[in-house]
Amino acid sequence: MMGPKRWRWGRRGPGRPPKPRWIWGFPGRLSFIPFDETGQPINAEPIILRPDEIEAMRLVYYEGLNQEEAARKMGVSRGTLWRALASGRKKVTQALVERRPIVMGYWEETQEEQNS
């Protein structure tokens, strides 16, 4: 496994910028596309999973860490980790129920960089 990367959203408006998170298991840009019964890809609006949501789910559900350990490893509070977990679970469930693609990784940042 490679070393951690620091990640945070771009600043959007006034207020305190978000605290960077340590992302240990960077997946790169990856998409999961559902197929219909005939084997054709379903063309629907994708659900975007942020890197911190993926990392929180990876640490808690895949690595088996408790929320306190996972939060410490990401460099955030337990509350922040809990919100990332809840958001990630909701997005994955929504994608499964609505049969929508899931896009993981730095998609949002690359779009912002292209607009700059």
Protein backbone atom coordinates (compact mmCIF):
# COMPACT_ATOMS: atom_id res chain seq x y z
CA MET A 1 0.00 0.00 0.00
CA MET A 2 1.25 3.46 -0.78
CA GLY A 3 1.63 6.30 1.72
CA PRO A 4 -1.18 8.66 2.67
CA LYS A 5 -2.32 11.65 0.64
CA ARG A 6 -3.82 14.82 2.07
CA TRP A 7 -7.19 15.65 0.54
CA ARG A 8 -9.86 18.30 1.06
CA TRP A 9 -12.62 19.94 -0.93
CA GLY A 10 -11.94 23.16 -2.76
CA ARG A 11 -13.03 26.26 -0.92
CA ARG A 12 -16.58 27.24 -1.87
CA GLY A 13 -17.65 30.56 -0.41
CA PRO A 14 -17.02 32.28 2.90
CA GLY A 15 -16.20 30.53 6.13
CA ARG A 16 -13.50 28.31 7.45
CA PRO A 17 -11.97 25.98 4.85
CA PRO A 18 -12.49 22.25 5.46
CA LYS A 19 -9.80 20.39 7.38
CA PRO A 20 -7.63 18.14 5.17
CA ARG A 21 -8.12 14.41 5.57
CA TRP A 22 -5.47 11.70 5.28
CA ILE A 23 -6.44 9.25 2.54
CA TRP A 24 -4.44 6.02 2.82
CA GLY A 25 -6.13 3.84 0.22
CA PHE A 26 -6.41 6.15 -2.79
CA PRO A 27 -8.46 4.32 -5.45
CA GLY A 28 -7.75 6.71 -8.32
CA ARG A 29 -10.68 7.50 -10.56
CA LEU A 30 -12.91 4.46 -10.83
CA SER A 31 -16.49 3.95 -12.03
CA PHE A 32 -19.01 1.19 -11.43
CA ILE A 33 -21.70 1.06 -14.13
CA PRO A 34 -24.87 -1.02 -13.68
CA PHE A 35 -26.17 -3.16 -16.56
CA ASP A 36 -29.79 -3.95 -17.38
CA GLU A 37 -31.21 -7.43 -17.96
CA THR A 38 -30.08 -7.42 -21.63
CA GLY A 39 -26.46 -6.63 -20.71
CA GLN A 40 -26.61 -2.99 -21.79
CA PRO A 41 -25.07 -0.32 -19.51
CA ILE A 42 -27.66 1.82 -17.76
CA ASN A 43 -27.18 5.46 -18.73
CA ALA A 44 -28.15 7.52 -15.68
CA GLU A 45 -26.70 10.42 -13.71
CA PRO A 46 -23.78 9.07 -11.64
CA ILE A 47 -23.45 9.25 -7.87
CA ILE A 48 -20.09 10.79 -6.89
CA LEU A 49 -18.30 9.31 -3.86
CA ARG A 50 -15.74 11.71 -2.37
CA PRO A 51 -12.33 10.34 -1.36
CA ASP A 52 -13.05 10.91 2.34
CA GLU A 53 -16.28 8.88 2.13
CA ILE A 54 -14.46 6.02 0.42
CA GLU A 55 -11.63 6.12 2.96
CA ALA A 56 -14.01 6.18 5.94
CA MET A 57 -15.91 3.15 4.61
CA ARG A 58 -12.66 1.35 3.77
CA LEU A 59 -11.20 1.84 7.25
CA VAL A 60 -14.36 0.93 9.19
CA TYR A 61 -16.01 -1.76 7.04
CA TYR A 62 -13.07 -3.30 5.18
CA GLU A 63 -10.16 -2.88 7.61
CA GLY A 64 -12.39 -3.40 10.66
CA LEU A 65 -11.20 -0.37 12.64
CA ASN A 66 -13.56 1.21 15.14
CA GLN A 67 -14.65 4.78 14.46
CA GLU A 68 -12.19 6.29 16.93
CA GLU A 69 -9.21 4.50 15.34
CA ALA A 70 -10.37 5.33 11.81
CA ALA A 71 -10.90 9.00 12.69
CA ARG A 72 -7.42 9.19 14.21
CA LYS A 73 -5.90 7.62 11.09
CA MET A 74 -7.72 10.13 8.82
CA GLY A 75 -6.83 13.07 11.09
CA VAL A 76 -10.45 14.08 11.76
CA SER A 77 -12.90 13.96 14.67
CA ARG A 78 -15.20 10.99 15.27
CA GLY A 79 -18.16 13.19 14.32
CA THR A 80 -16.57 14.07 10.98
CA LEU A 81 -15.82 10.40 10.32
CA TRP A 82 -19.41 9.46 11.24
CA ARG A 83 -20.78 12.06 8.78
CA ALA A 84 -18.49 10.73 6.00
CA LEU A 85 -19.65 7.16 6.73
CA ALA A 86 -23.32 8.15 6.75
CA SER A 87 -22.98 10.11 3.51
CA GLY A 88 -21.06 7.30 1.79
CA ARG A 89 -23.57 4.63 2.90
CA LYS A 90 -26.48 6.75 1.70
CA LYS A 91 -24.86 7.33 -1.70
CA VAL A 92 -24.02 3.64 -2.24
CA THR A 93 -27.55 2.61 -1.22
CA GLN A 94 -29.08 5.27 -3.48
CA ALA A 95 -26.98 4.07 -6.43
CA LEU A 96 -28.04 0.44 -5.88
CA VAL A 97 -31.74 1.22 -5.43
CA GLU A 98 -31.92 3.72 -8.32
CA ARG A 99 -29.59 1.67 -10.57
CA ARG A 100 -27.18 4.58 -11.06
CA PRO A 101 -23.42 4.52 -11.78
CA ILE A 102 -20.97 5.18 -8.95
CA VAL A 103 -17.91 7.35 -9.65
CA MET A 104 -15.09 7.23 -7.08
CA GLY A 105 -12.02 9.41 -6.67
CA TYR A 106 -10.98 12.95 -7.47
CA TRP A 107 -13.66 13.63 -10.09
CA GLU A 108 -14.85 16.93 -8.57
CA GLU A 109 -11.35 18.42 -8.34
CA THR A 110 -10.47 17.55 -11.94
CA GLN A 111 -13.67 19.24 -13.12
CA GLU A 112 -12.80 22.38 -11.14
CA GLU A 113 -9.26 22.36 -12.53
CA GLN A 114 -10.63 22.10 -16.08
CA ASN A 115 -12.89 25.12 -15.44
CA SER A 116 -9.96 27.22 -14.11
